[in-house]
């Protein structure tokens, strides 16, 4: 299979790809065409069918698999696929594992390590909250372990939410051991819970797109609501501890401009914000490097980092 990350300008492509999105549009001259987002496990690419009513273009919808012929071109600095022919595929013609990005790390091992961190939380109310959600609620555990952490940017793959959560919790565990000002039980619990709202904000694969709830509320508010409801189910859960935990979730993006309803007001909220940002940004760098098969040193300007970015020279 010729994977999307291997596409180069000028190539002729003949293969099967999943249609993540399909929308009808009109050119400036009023001629109809189709906008596509095509996907495999290595990424996505914009596609165009400039003459959707021509012979050789089968009917198909979003989330279908299509056998296509097209040419790779560059438009506005990005690769694009001009699709000339399309045949809708039937079951058995493709392997779904080729079309959905999956964490390279072992899911069972990651969850086992996360469960060990949960077990290390000594406060009985915080321990019970984590156990009730991640261990006793088997349906939530199944959803959490398979979910992505984002549509794009970082950890946008199956198992990405678990991988990101574990990464943040590891950093917080180190920070708690390094800075005595931090209350470890609160910080570890907040780290494990900080993105649980993403299980409702983003639909599972193959859609991996925002739900209505996600569009209206966002994962921070959804997560705060989930944790509040869980805490209320535990007898004698201290109100101050509950509010501190929810505050960590509400403040974990750090700034209003990044979607945080609150700025960090306690040390644990600040530590969580730093850990979340670090894990997300380092994964973003990793994915940018892995997605560039040219192995160039300078990769150009990146909006996320607001900088031209470069690979480090081998030592």
C-alpha atoms as a PDB file:
ATOM      1  CA  UNK A   1       0.000   0.000   0.000  1.00  0.00           C
ATOM      2  CA  UNK A   2       1.219   3.497  -0.866  1.00  0.00           C
ATOM      3  CA  UNK A   3       0.709   5.440   2.374  1.00  0.00           C
ATOM      4  CA  UNK A   4      -0.260   9.107   2.387  1.00  0.00           C
ATOM      5  CA  UNK A   5       2.835  10.257   4.271  1.00  0.00           C
ATOM      6  CA  UNK A   6       4.902   8.930   1.346  1.00  0.00           C
ATOM      7  CA  UNK A   7       3.042  11.004  -1.286  1.00  0.00           C
ATOM      8  CA  UNK A   8       5.193  13.365  -3.359  1.00  0.00           C
ATOM      9  CA  UNK A   9       4.256  16.076  -5.820  1.00  0.00           C
ATOM     10  CA  UNK A  10       3.814  14.743  -9.344  1.00  0.00           C
ATOM     11  CA  UNK A  11       3.097  11.145  -8.314  1.00  0.00           C
ATOM     12  CA  UNK A  12       0.251   9.170  -9.860  1.00  0.00           C
ATOM     13  CA  UNK A  13      -1.675   7.365  -7.109  1.00  0.00           C
ATOM     14  CA  UNK A  14      -3.681   4.182  -7.580  1.00  0.00           C
ATOM     15  CA  UNK A  15      -4.988   2.605  -4.372  1.00  0.00           C
ATOM     16  CA  UNK A  16      -7.673   2.303  -1.715  1.00  0.00           C
ATOM     17  CA  UNK A  17      -8.218   5.080   0.868  1.00  0.00           C
ATOM     18  CA  UNK A  18     -10.895   5.919   3.407  1.00  0.00           C
ATOM     19  CA  UNK A  19     -13.049   9.011   2.845  1.00  0.00           C
ATOM     20  CA  UNK A  20     -12.996  10.865   6.155  1.00  0.00           C
ATOM     21  CA  UNK A  21     -15.058  13.772   4.834  1.00  0.00           C
ATOM     22  CA  UNK A  22     -16.906  14.607   1.622  1.00  0.00           C
ATOM     23  CA  UNK A  23     -18.579  17.931   0.812  1.00  0.00           C
ATOM     24  CA  UNK A  24     -20.031  19.332  -2.392  1.00  0.00           C
ATOM     25  CA  UNK A  25     -18.912  22.788  -3.524  1.00  0.00           C
ATOM     26  CA  UNK A  26     -18.973  25.175  -6.489  1.00  0.00           C
ATOM     27  CA  UNK A  27     -16.128  26.832  -8.348  1.00  0.00           C
ATOM     28  CA  UNK A  28     -16.199  30.581  -8.973  1.00  0.00           C
ATOM     29  CA  UNK A  29     -17.757  29.784 -12.323  1.00  0.00           C
ATOM     30  CA  UNK A  30     -20.556  27.822 -10.675  1.00  0.00           C
ATOM     31  CA  UNK A  31     -19.251  24.386 -11.675  1.00  0.00           C
ATOM     32  CA  UNK A  32     -19.798  21.638  -9.062  1.00  0.00           C
ATOM     33  CA  UNK A  33     -16.881  19.748  -7.525  1.00  0.00           C
ATOM     34  CA  UNK A  34     -16.290  17.581  -4.434  1.00  0.00           C
ATOM     35  CA  UNK A  35     -13.976  18.324  -1.514  1.00  0.00           C
ATOM     36  CA  UNK A  36     -12.559  15.202   0.135  1.00  0.00           C
ATOM     37  CA  UNK A  37     -10.392  14.414   3.096  1.00  0.00           C
ATOM     38  CA  UNK A  38      -8.745  11.044   2.467  1.00  0.00           C
ATOM     39  CA  UNK A  39      -7.197   9.042   5.281  1.00  0.00           C
ATOM     40  CA  UNK A  40      -4.983   6.108   6.045  1.00  0.00           C
ATOM     41  CA  UNK A  41      -3.134   5.232   9.238  1.00  0.00           C
ATOM     42  CA  UNK A  42      -0.277   7.613   8.390  1.00  0.00           C
ATOM     43  CA  UNK A  43      -2.385  10.742   8.008  1.00  0.00           C
ATOM     44  CA  UNK A  44      -4.798  12.643   5.790  1.00  0.00           C
ATOM     45  CA  UNK A  45      -4.693  14.602   2.531  1.00  0.00           C
ATOM     46  CA  UNK A  46      -7.137  16.969   0.870  1.00  0.00           C
ATOM     47  CA  UNK A  47      -8.655  15.607  -2.320  1.00  0.00           C
ATOM     48  CA  UNK A  48     -10.614  17.216  -5.159  1.00  0.00           C
ATOM     49  CA  UNK A  49     -12.941  15.671  -7.719  1.00  0.00           C
ATOM     50  CA  UNK A  50     -13.273  18.471 -10.240  1.00  0.00           C
ATOM     51  CA  UNK A  51     -15.886  16.690 -12.365  1.00  0.00           C
ATOM     52  CA  UNK A  52     -17.987  14.508 -10.018  1.00  0.00           C
ATOM     53  CA  UNK A  53     -20.573  13.725 -12.713  1.00  0.00           C
ATOM     54  CA  UNK A  54     -18.104  12.281 -15.205  1.00  0.00           C
ATOM     55  CA  UNK A  55     -17.783   8.641 -16.173  1.00  0.00           C
ATOM     56  CA  UNK A  56     -15.506   6.707 -13.856  1.00  0.00           C
ATOM     57  CA  UNK A  57     -16.698   8.422 -10.654  1.00  0.00           C
ATOM     58  CA  UNK A  58     -18.845   6.032  -8.573  1.00  0.00           C
ATOM     59  CA  UNK A  59     -21.292   7.270  -5.954  1.00  0.00           C
ATOM     60  CA  UNK A  60     -19.832   7.160  -2.451  1.00  0.00           C
ATOM     61  CA  UNK A  61     -20.194   8.860   0.925  1.00  0.00           C
ATOM     62  CA  UNK A  62     -18.052   9.891   3.877  1.00  0.00           C
ATOM     63  CA  UNK A  63     -16.576   6.911   5.765  1.00  0.00           C
ATOM     64  CA  UNK A  64     -16.642   4.765   2.609  1.00  0.00           C
ATOM     65  CA  UNK A  65     -13.490   3.144   1.232  1.00  0.00           C
ATOM     66  CA  UNK A  66     -12.709   4.045  -2.371  1.00  0.00           C
ATOM     67  CA  UNK A  67     -10.315   2.672  -4.969  1.00  0.00           C
ATOM     68  CA  UNK A  68      -9.027   5.777  -6.726  1.00  0.00           C
ATOM     69  CA  UNK A  69      -6.712   7.071  -9.395  1.00  0.00           C
ATOM     70  CA  UNK A  70      -5.296  10.566  -9.004  1.00  0.00           C
ATOM     71  CA  UNK A  71      -2.308  12.886  -9.159  1.00  0.00           C
ATOM     72  CA  UNK A  72      -0.509  14.573  -6.279  1.00  0.00           C
ATOM     73  CA  UNK A  73      -0.187  18.337  -6.726  1.00  0.00           C
ATOM     74  CA  UNK A  74       0.816  21.235  -4.507  1.00  0.00           C
ATOM     75  CA  UNK A  75      -1.702  23.949  -3.680  1.00  0.00           C
ATOM     76  CA  UNK A  76      -1.081  26.834  -1.240  1.00  0.00           C
ATOM     77  CA  UNK A  77       2.041  25.072   0.015  1.00  0.00           C
ATOM     78  CA  UNK A  78       0.329  21.774   0.850  1.00  0.00           C
ATOM     79  CA  UNK A  79      -0.031  18.508  -1.030  1.00  0.00           C
ATOM     80  CA  UNK A  80      -3.418  17.779  -2.568  1.00  0.00           C
ATOM     81  CA  UNK A  81      -4.779  14.831  -4.546  1.00  0.00           C
ATOM     82  CA  UNK A  82      -6.676  15.518  -7.777  1.00  0.00           C
ATOM     83  CA  UNK A  83      -8.899  12.437  -8.131  1.00  0.00           C
ATOM     84  CA  UNK A  84      -9.684  11.270 -11.656  1.00  0.00           C
ATOM     85  CA  UNK A  85     -11.420   7.931 -11.094  1.00  0.00           C
ATOM     86  CA  UNK A  86     -13.280   6.412  -8.121  1.00  0.00           C
ATOM     87  CA  UNK A  87     -14.709   2.984  -7.400  1.00  0.00           C
ATOM     88  CA  UNK A  88     -16.500   2.298  -4.130  1.00  0.00           C
ATOM     89  CA  UNK A  89     -14.993  -0.741  -2.382  1.00  0.00           C
ATOM     90  CA  UNK A  90     -16.806  -3.565  -0.688  1.00  0.00           C
ATOM     91  CA  UNK A  91     -15.932  -5.385   2.534  1.00  0.00           C
ATOM     92  CA  UNK A  92     -12.993  -7.721   2.175  1.00  0.00           C
ATOM     93  CA  UNK A  93     -11.145  -5.485  -0.279  1.00  0.00           C
ATOM     94  CA  UNK A  94      -9.282  -3.597   2.433  1.00  0.00           C
ATOM     95  CA  UNK A  95      -7.812  -4.076   5.890  1.00  0.00           C
ATOM     96  CA  UNK A  96      -9.263  -1.478   8.337  1.00  0.00           C
ATOM     97  CA  UNK A  97      -6.003  -1.568  10.320  1.00  0.00           C
ATOM     98  CA  UNK A  98      -4.326   0.226   7.383  1.00  0.00           C
ATOM     99  CA  UNK A  99      -6.615   3.239   7.731  1.00  0.00           C
ATOM    100  CA  UNK A 100      -6.672   4.205  11.386  1.00  0.00           C
ATOM    101  CA  UNK A 101      -3.634   5.548  13.242  1.00  0.00           C
ATOM    102  CA  UNK A 102      -2.838   3.533  16.376  1.00  0.00           C
ATOM    103  CA  UNK A 103      -0.454   4.228  19.243  1.00  0.00           C
ATOM    104  CA  UNK A 104       2.902   2.526  18.779  1.00  0.00           C
ATOM    105  CA  UNK A 105       2.907   1.699  22.483  1.00  0.00           C
ATOM    106  CA  UNK A 106       1.336  -1.382  24.069  1.00  0.00           C
ATOM    107  CA  UNK A 107      -2.140  -0.494  25.337  1.00  0.00           C
ATOM    108  CA  UNK A 108      -2.185  -3.101  28.115  1.00  0.00           C
ATOM    109  CA  UNK A 109       1.208  -1.999  29.434  1.00  0.00           C
ATOM    110  CA  UNK A 110       0.205   1.666  29.390  1.00  0.00           C
ATOM    111  CA  UNK A 111      -3.024   1.035  31.260  1.00  0.00           C
ATOM    112  CA  UNK A 112      -1.260  -1.206  33.783  1.00  0.00           C
ATOM    113  CA  UNK A 113       1.194   1.606  34.557  1.00  0.00           C
ATOM    114  CA  UNK A 114      -1.639   4.113  34.842  1.00  0.00           C
ATOM    115  CA  UNK A 115      -3.513   1.749  37.167  1.00  0.00           C
ATOM    116  CA  UNK A 116      -0.403   1.505  39.364  1.00  0.00           C
ATOM    117  CA  UNK A 117      -0.348   5.294  39.669  1.00  0.00           C
ATOM    118  CA  UNK A 118      -4.033   5.223  40.636  1.00  0.00           C
ATOM    119  CA  UNK A 119      -3.299   2.584  43.257  1.00  0.00           C
ATOM    120  CA  UNK A 120      -0.582   4.807  44.725  1.00  0.00           C
ATOM    121  CA  UNK A 121      -3.100   7.544  45.597  1.00  0.00           C
ATOM    122  CA  UNK A 122      -3.573   7.303  49.371  1.00  0.00           C
ATOM    123  CA  UNK A 123      -6.480   9.690  49.961  1.00  0.00           C
ATOM    124  CA  UNK A 124      -9.545   7.412  50.247  1.00  0.00           C
ATOM    125  CA  UNK A 125     -11.945   9.759  48.433  1.00  0.00           C
ATOM    126  CA  UNK A 126      -9.608  10.417  45.507  1.00  0.00           C
ATOM    127  CA  UNK A 127      -8.690   6.729  45.321  1.00  0.00           C
ATOM    128  CA  UNK A 128     -12.362   5.728  45.266  1.00  0.00           C
ATOM    129  CA  UNK A 129     -13.137   8.268  42.541  1.00  0.00           C
ATOM    130  CA  UNK A 130     -10.402   6.901  40.276  1.00  0.00           C
ATOM    131  CA  UNK A 131     -11.314   3.290  40.973  1.00  0.00           C
ATOM    132  CA  UNK A 132     -15.028   3.868  40.335  1.00  0.00           C
ATOM    133  CA  UNK A 133     -14.374   5.420  36.930  1.00  0.00           C
ATOM    134  CA  UNK A 134     -11.380   3.561  35.507  1.00  0.00           C
ATOM    135  CA  UNK A 135     -11.624   0.124  37.119  1.00  0.00           C
ATOM    136  CA  UNK A 136     -15.243  -0.580  38.074  1.00  0.00           C
ATOM    137  CA  UNK A 137     -16.785   1.143  35.046  1.00  0.00           C
ATOM    138  CA  UNK A 138     -15.658  -1.348  32.423  1.00  0.00           C
ATOM    139  CA  UNK A 139     -17.473   0.424  29.584  1.00  0.00           C
ATOM    140  CA  UNK A 140     -15.708   3.712  30.338  1.00  0.00           C
ATOM    141  CA  UNK A 141     -12.352   1.931  30.598  1.00  0.00           C
ATOM    142  CA  UNK A 142     -12.889   0.360  27.169  1.00  0.00           C
ATOM    143  CA  UNK A 143     -13.809   3.720  25.648  1.00  0.00           C
ATOM    144  CA  UNK A 144     -10.914   5.548  27.333  1.00  0.00           C
ATOM    145  CA  UNK A 145      -8.298   3.029  26.232  1.00  0.00           C
ATOM    146  CA  UNK A 146      -9.290   3.227  22.553  1.00  0.00           C
ATOM    147  CA  UNK A 147      -9.919   6.960  22.327  1.00  0.00           C
ATOM    148  CA  UNK A 148      -7.782   9.594  20.648  1.00  0.00           C
ATOM    149  CA  UNK A 149      -6.695  12.732  22.498  1.00  0.00           C
ATOM    150  CA  UNK A 150      -7.444  15.062  19.582  1.00  0.00           C
ATOM    151  CA  UNK A 151      -8.588  15.320  15.977  1.00  0.00           C
ATOM    152  CA  UNK A 152      -5.141  16.549  14.997  1.00  0.00           C
ATOM    153  CA  UNK A 153      -2.142  18.344  16.596  1.00  0.00           C
ATOM    154  CA  UNK A 154      -1.105  15.631  19.109  1.00  0.00           C
ATOM    155  CA  UNK A 155      -2.064  12.068  20.054  1.00  0.00           C
ATOM    156  CA  UNK A 156      -4.773  11.970  17.373  1.00  0.00           C
ATOM    157  CA  UNK A 157      -4.777   8.181  17.143  1.00  0.00           C
ATOM    158  CA  UNK A 158      -6.368   5.122  18.735  1.00  0.00           C
ATOM    159  CA  UNK A 159      -4.925   4.847  22.238  1.00  0.00           C
ATOM    160  CA  UNK A 160      -3.775   8.459  22.105  1.00  0.00           C
ATOM    161  CA  UNK A 161      -5.836   9.571  25.107  1.00  0.00           C
ATOM    162  CA  UNK A 162      -4.358   6.819  27.269  1.00  0.00           C
ATOM    163  CA  UNK A 163      -0.835   7.562  26.018  1.00  0.00           C
ATOM    164  CA  UNK A 164      -1.183  11.314  26.674  1.00  0.00           C
ATOM    165  CA  UNK A 165      -2.786  10.811  30.092  1.00  0.00           C
ATOM    166  CA  UNK A 166       0.000   8.467  31.151  1.00  0.00           C
ATOM    167  CA  UNK A 167       2.616  10.905  29.847  1.00  0.00           C
ATOM    168  CA  UNK A 168       1.117  13.764  31.874  1.00  0.00           C
ATOM    169  CA  UNK A 169       0.767  11.590  34.986  1.00  0.00           C
ATOM    170  CA  UNK A 170       4.425  10.495  34.741  1.00  0.00           C
ATOM    171  CA  UNK A 171       5.577  14.111  34.573  1.00  0.00           C
ATOM    172  CA  UNK A 172       3.336  15.045  37.498  1.00  0.00           C
ATOM    173  CA  UNK A 173       4.671  12.115  39.516  1.00  0.00           C
ATOM    174  CA  UNK A 174       8.212  13.427  38.959  1.00  0.00           C
ATOM    175  CA  UNK A 175       7.160  16.981  39.847  1.00  0.00           C
ATOM    176  CA  UNK A 176       5.482  15.835  43.069  1.00  0.00           C
ATOM    177  CA  UNK A 177       8.688  14.080  44.131  1.00  0.00           C
ATOM    178  CA  UNK A 178      10.762  17.151  43.270  1.00  0.00           C
ATOM    179  CA  UNK A 179       8.654  19.982  44.723  1.00  0.00           C
ATOM    180  CA  UNK A 180       7.363  19.427  48.283  1.00  0.00           C
ATOM    181  CA  UNK A 181       4.820  22.241  47.857  1.00  0.00           C
ATOM    182  CA  UNK A 182       2.745  19.909  45.669  1.00  0.00           C
ATOM    183  CA  UNK A 183       0.115  17.608  47.178  1.00  0.00           C
ATOM    184  CA  UNK A 184       0.867  14.383  45.328  1.00  0.00           C
ATOM    185  CA  UNK A 185      -2.521  12.693  45.684  1.00  0.00           C
ATOM    186  CA  UNK A 186      -4.371  15.709  44.320  1.00  0.00           C
ATOM    187  CA  UNK A 187      -1.899  16.224  41.470  1.00  0.00           C
ATOM    188  CA  UNK A 188      -1.811  12.584  40.332  1.00  0.00           C
ATOM    189  CA  UNK A 189      -5.602  12.352  40.473  1.00  0.00           C
ATOM    190  CA  UNK A 190      -5.990  15.566  38.479  1.00  0.00           C
ATOM    191  CA  UNK A 191      -3.446  14.367  35.911  1.00  0.00           C
ATOM    192  CA  UNK A 192      -5.307  11.106  35.348  1.00  0.00           C
ATOM    193  CA  UNK A 193      -8.673  12.875  35.114  1.00  0.00           C
ATOM    194  CA  UNK A 194      -7.717  16.046  33.259  1.00  0.00           C
ATOM    195  CA  UNK A 195      -8.839  14.921  29.791  1.00  0.00           C
ATOM    196  CA  UNK A 196     -11.644  12.449  30.573  1.00  0.00           C
ATOM    197  CA  UNK A 197     -14.053  14.877  28.914  1.00  0.00           C
ATOM    198  CA  UNK A 198     -12.496  14.010  25.573  1.00  0.00           C
ATOM    199  CA  UNK A 199     -14.318  10.672  25.643  1.00  0.00           C
ATOM    200  CA  UNK A 200     -17.488  12.728  25.055  1.00  0.00           C
ATOM    201  CA  UNK A 201     -16.028  15.687  23.171  1.00  0.00           C
ATOM    202  CA  UNK A 202     -14.663  13.617  20.279  1.00  0.00           C
ATOM    203  CA  UNK A 203     -16.388  10.684  18.597  1.00  0.00           C
ATOM    204  CA  UNK A 204     -14.521   7.400  18.345  1.00  0.00           C
ATOM    205  CA  UNK A 205     -12.849   6.264  15.138  1.00  0.00           C
ATOM    206  CA  UNK A 206     -13.615   6.158  12.269  1.00  0.00           C
ATOM    207  CA  UNK A 207     -15.241   9.589  12.730  1.00  0.00           C
ATOM    208  CA  UNK A 208     -12.777  11.024  15.273  1.00  0.00           C
ATOM    209  CA  UNK A 209     -14.628  14.336  14.989  1.00  0.00           C
ATOM    210  CA  UNK A 210     -16.303  16.689  17.445  1.00  0.00           C
ATOM    211  CA  UNK A 211     -19.666  15.645  18.852  1.00  0.00           C
ATOM    212  CA  UNK A 212     -22.493  18.131  19.427  1.00  0.00           C
ATOM    213  CA  UNK A 213     -21.664  18.039  23.145  1.00  0.00           C
ATOM    214  CA  UNK A 214     -18.028  18.662  22.347  1.00  0.00           C
ATOM    215  CA  UNK A 215     -18.804  21.610  20.103  1.00  0.00           C
ATOM    216  CA  UNK A 216     -21.150  23.190  22.666  1.00  0.00           C
ATOM    217  CA  UNK A 217     -19.215  22.562  25.881  1.00  0.00           C
ATOM    218  CA  UNK A 218     -15.670  21.357  25.158  1.00  0.00           C
ATOM    219  CA  UNK A 219     -13.745  18.680  27.015  1.00  0.00           C
ATOM    220  CA  UNK A 220     -12.722  20.906  29.930  1.00  0.00           C
ATOM    221  CA  UNK A 221     -16.295  21.705  30.967  1.00  0.00           C
ATOM    222  CA  UNK A 222     -17.459  18.152  30.214  1.00  0.00           C
ATOM    223  CA  UNK A 223     -14.623  16.728  32.329  1.00  0.00           C
ATOM    224  CA  UNK A 224     -15.386  19.075  35.219  1.00  0.00           C
ATOM    225  CA  UNK A 225     -19.039  17.966  35.127  1.00  0.00           C
ATOM    226  CA  UNK A 226     -18.069  14.287  35.065  1.00  0.00           C
ATOM    227  CA  UNK A 227     -15.716  14.654  38.040  1.00  0.00           C
ATOM    228  CA  UNK A 228     -18.274  16.657  40.013  1.00  0.00           C
ATOM    229  CA  UNK A 229     -20.898  13.952  39.506  1.00  0.00           C
ATOM    230  CA  UNK A 230     -18.437  11.204  40.465  1.00  0.00           C
ATOM    231  CA  UNK A 231     -17.379  13.032  43.613  1.00  0.00           C
ATOM    232  CA  UNK A 232     -21.014  13.491  44.654  1.00  0.00           C
ATOM    233  CA  UNK A 233     -21.476   9.710  44.583  1.00  0.00           C
ATOM    234  CA  UNK A 234     -18.769   9.203  47.228  1.00  0.00           C
ATOM    235  CA  UNK A 235     -19.969   9.684  50.825  1.00  0.00           C
ATOM    236  CA  UNK A 236     -18.353  12.543  52.765  1.00  0.00           C
ATOM    237  CA  UNK A 237     -16.201  13.721  49.860  1.00  0.00           C
ATOM    238  CA  UNK A 238     -14.744  16.998  51.229  1.00  0.00           C
ATOM    239  CA  UNK A 239     -16.143  20.004  49.350  1.00  0.00           C
ATOM    240  CA  UNK A 240     -12.811  21.855  49.411  1.00  0.00           C
ATOM    241  CA  UNK A 241     -10.972  18.853  47.932  1.00  0.00           C
ATOM    242  CA  UNK A 242     -13.671  18.479  45.288  1.00  0.00           C
ATOM    243  CA  UNK A 243     -13.358  22.133  44.295  1.00  0.00           C
ATOM    244  CA  UNK A 244      -9.550  21.950  44.179  1.00  0.00           C
ATOM    245  CA  UNK A 245      -9.722  18.887  41.927  1.00  0.00           C
ATOM    246  CA  UNK A 246     -12.263  20.490  39.607  1.00  0.00           C
ATOM    247  CA  UNK A 247     -10.204  23.690  39.556  1.00  0.00           C
ATOM    248  CA  UNK A 248      -7.186  21.718  38.301  1.00  0.00           C
ATOM    249  CA  UNK A 249      -9.285  20.409  35.421  1.00  0.00           C
ATOM    250  CA  UNK A 250     -10.754  23.826  34.605  1.00  0.00           C
ATOM    251  CA  UNK A 251      -7.314  25.472  34.645  1.00  0.00           C
ATOM    252  CA  UNK A 252      -5.226  22.823  32.893  1.00  0.00           C
ATOM    253  CA  UNK A 253      -4.905  24.821  29.636  1.00  0.00           C
ATOM    254  CA  UNK A 254      -3.413  27.665  31.651  1.00  0.00           C
ATOM    255  CA  UNK A 255      -4.709  30.710  29.775  1.00  0.00           C
ATOM    256  CA  UNK A 256      -8.121  32.010  28.746  1.00  0.00           C
ATOM    257  CA  UNK A 257      -6.909  32.306  25.147  1.00  0.00           C
ATOM    258  CA  UNK A 258      -6.214  28.558  25.105  1.00  0.00           C
ATOM    259  CA  UNK A 259      -9.741  27.695  26.243  1.00  0.00           C
ATOM    260  CA  UNK A 260      -9.136  27.525  29.989  1.00  0.00           C
ATOM    261  CA  UNK A 261     -12.179  28.742  31.968  1.00  0.00           C
ATOM    262  CA  UNK A 262      -9.843  29.492  34.898  1.00  0.00           C
ATOM    263  CA  UNK A 263      -6.172  30.324  35.324  1.00  0.00           C
ATOM    264  CA  UNK A 264      -4.213  28.179  37.809  1.00  0.00           C
ATOM    265  CA  UNK A 265      -4.763  29.396  41.365  1.00  0.00           C
ATOM    266  CA  UNK A 266      -3.124  26.532  43.250  1.00  0.00           C
ATOM    267  CA  UNK A 267       0.271  24.897  42.816  1.00  0.00           C
ATOM    268  CA  UNK A 268      -1.185  21.592  41.623  1.00  0.00           C
ATOM    269  CA  UNK A 269      -3.170  23.325  38.864  1.00  0.00           C
ATOM    270  CA  UNK A 270      -0.019  25.085  37.664  1.00  0.00           C
ATOM    271  CA  UNK A 271       1.975  21.847  37.697  1.00  0.00           C
ATOM    272  CA  UNK A 272      -0.762  20.071  35.724  1.00  0.00           C
ATOM    273  CA  UNK A 273      -0.840  22.870  33.142  1.00  0.00           C
ATOM    274  CA  UNK A 274       2.944  22.653  32.663  1.00  0.00           C
ATOM    275  CA  UNK A 275       2.892  18.853  32.415  1.00  0.00           C
ATOM    276  CA  UNK A 276      -0.002  18.831  29.953  1.00  0.00           C
ATOM    277  CA  UNK A 277       1.659  21.440  27.755  1.00  0.00           C
ATOM    278  CA  UNK A 278       5.006  19.647  27.835  1.00  0.00           C
ATOM    279  CA  UNK A 279       3.615  16.255  26.850  1.00  0.00           C
ATOM    280  CA  UNK A 280       1.446  17.737  24.097  1.00  0.00           C
ATOM    281  CA  UNK A 281       4.237  19.856  22.614  1.00  0.00           C
ATOM    282  CA  UNK A 282       6.859  17.095  22.667  1.00  0.00           C
ATOM    283  CA  UNK A 283       4.425  14.707  20.980  1.00  0.00           C
ATOM    284  CA  UNK A 284       3.672  17.389  18.386  1.00  0.00           C
ATOM    285  CA  UNK A 285       7.373  17.667  17.567  1.00  0.00           C
ATOM    286  CA  UNK A 286       7.587  13.880  17.346  1.00  0.00           C
ATOM    287  CA  UNK A 287       4.646  13.649  14.952  1.00  0.00           C
ATOM    288  CA  UNK A 288       5.964  16.484  12.766  1.00  0.00           C
ATOM    289  CA  UNK A 289       9.330  14.741  12.391  1.00  0.00           C
ATOM    290  CA  UNK A 290       7.771  11.330  11.751  1.00  0.00           C
ATOM    291  CA  UNK A 291       5.395  12.820   9.174  1.00  0.00           C
ATOM    292  CA  UNK A 292       8.214  14.267   7.078  1.00  0.00           C
ATOM    293  CA  UNK A 293       9.783  11.418   5.133  1.00  0.00           C
ATOM    294  CA  UNK A 294      12.262  13.740   3.388  1.00  0.00           C
ATOM    295  CA  UNK A 295      14.404  13.883   6.555  1.00  0.00           C
ATOM    296  CA  UNK A 296      15.103  17.569   5.886  1.00  0.00           C
ATOM    297  CA  UNK A 297      16.874  19.545   8.611  1.00  0.00           C
ATOM    298  CA  UNK A 298      14.647  22.640   8.390  1.00  0.00           C
ATOM    299  CA  UNK A 299      10.940  21.853   8.164  1.00  0.00           C
ATOM    300  CA  UNK A 300       9.688  25.426   7.780  1.00  0.00           C
ATOM    301  CA  UNK A 301       7.330  27.610   9.783  1.00  0.00           C
ATOM    302  CA  UNK A 302       4.942  25.866  12.156  1.00  0.00           C
ATOM    303  CA  UNK A 303       1.919  27.760  13.478  1.00  0.00           C
ATOM    304  CA  UNK A 304       1.692  25.722  16.671  1.00  0.00           C
ATOM    305  CA  UNK A 305       5.209  26.706  17.717  1.00  0.00           C
ATOM    306  CA  UNK A 306       5.167  30.084  15.938  1.00  0.00           C
ATOM    307  CA  UNK A 307       8.649  29.312  14.662  1.00  0.00           C
ATOM    308  CA  UNK A 308      10.637  27.709  11.903  1.00  0.00           C
ATOM    309  CA  UNK A 309      11.464  24.279  13.278  1.00  0.00           C
ATOM    310  CA  UNK A 310      14.513  22.117  12.731  1.00  0.00           C
ATOM    311  CA  UNK A 311      15.727  18.609  13.431  1.00  0.00           C
ATOM    312  CA  UNK A 312      18.656  18.399  15.832  1.00  0.00           C
ATOM    313  CA  UNK A 313      21.904  17.220  14.259  1.00  0.00           C
ATOM    314  CA  UNK A 314      23.071  13.737  15.190  1.00  0.00           C
ATOM    315  CA  UNK A 315      25.898  13.816  17.741  1.00  0.00           C
END
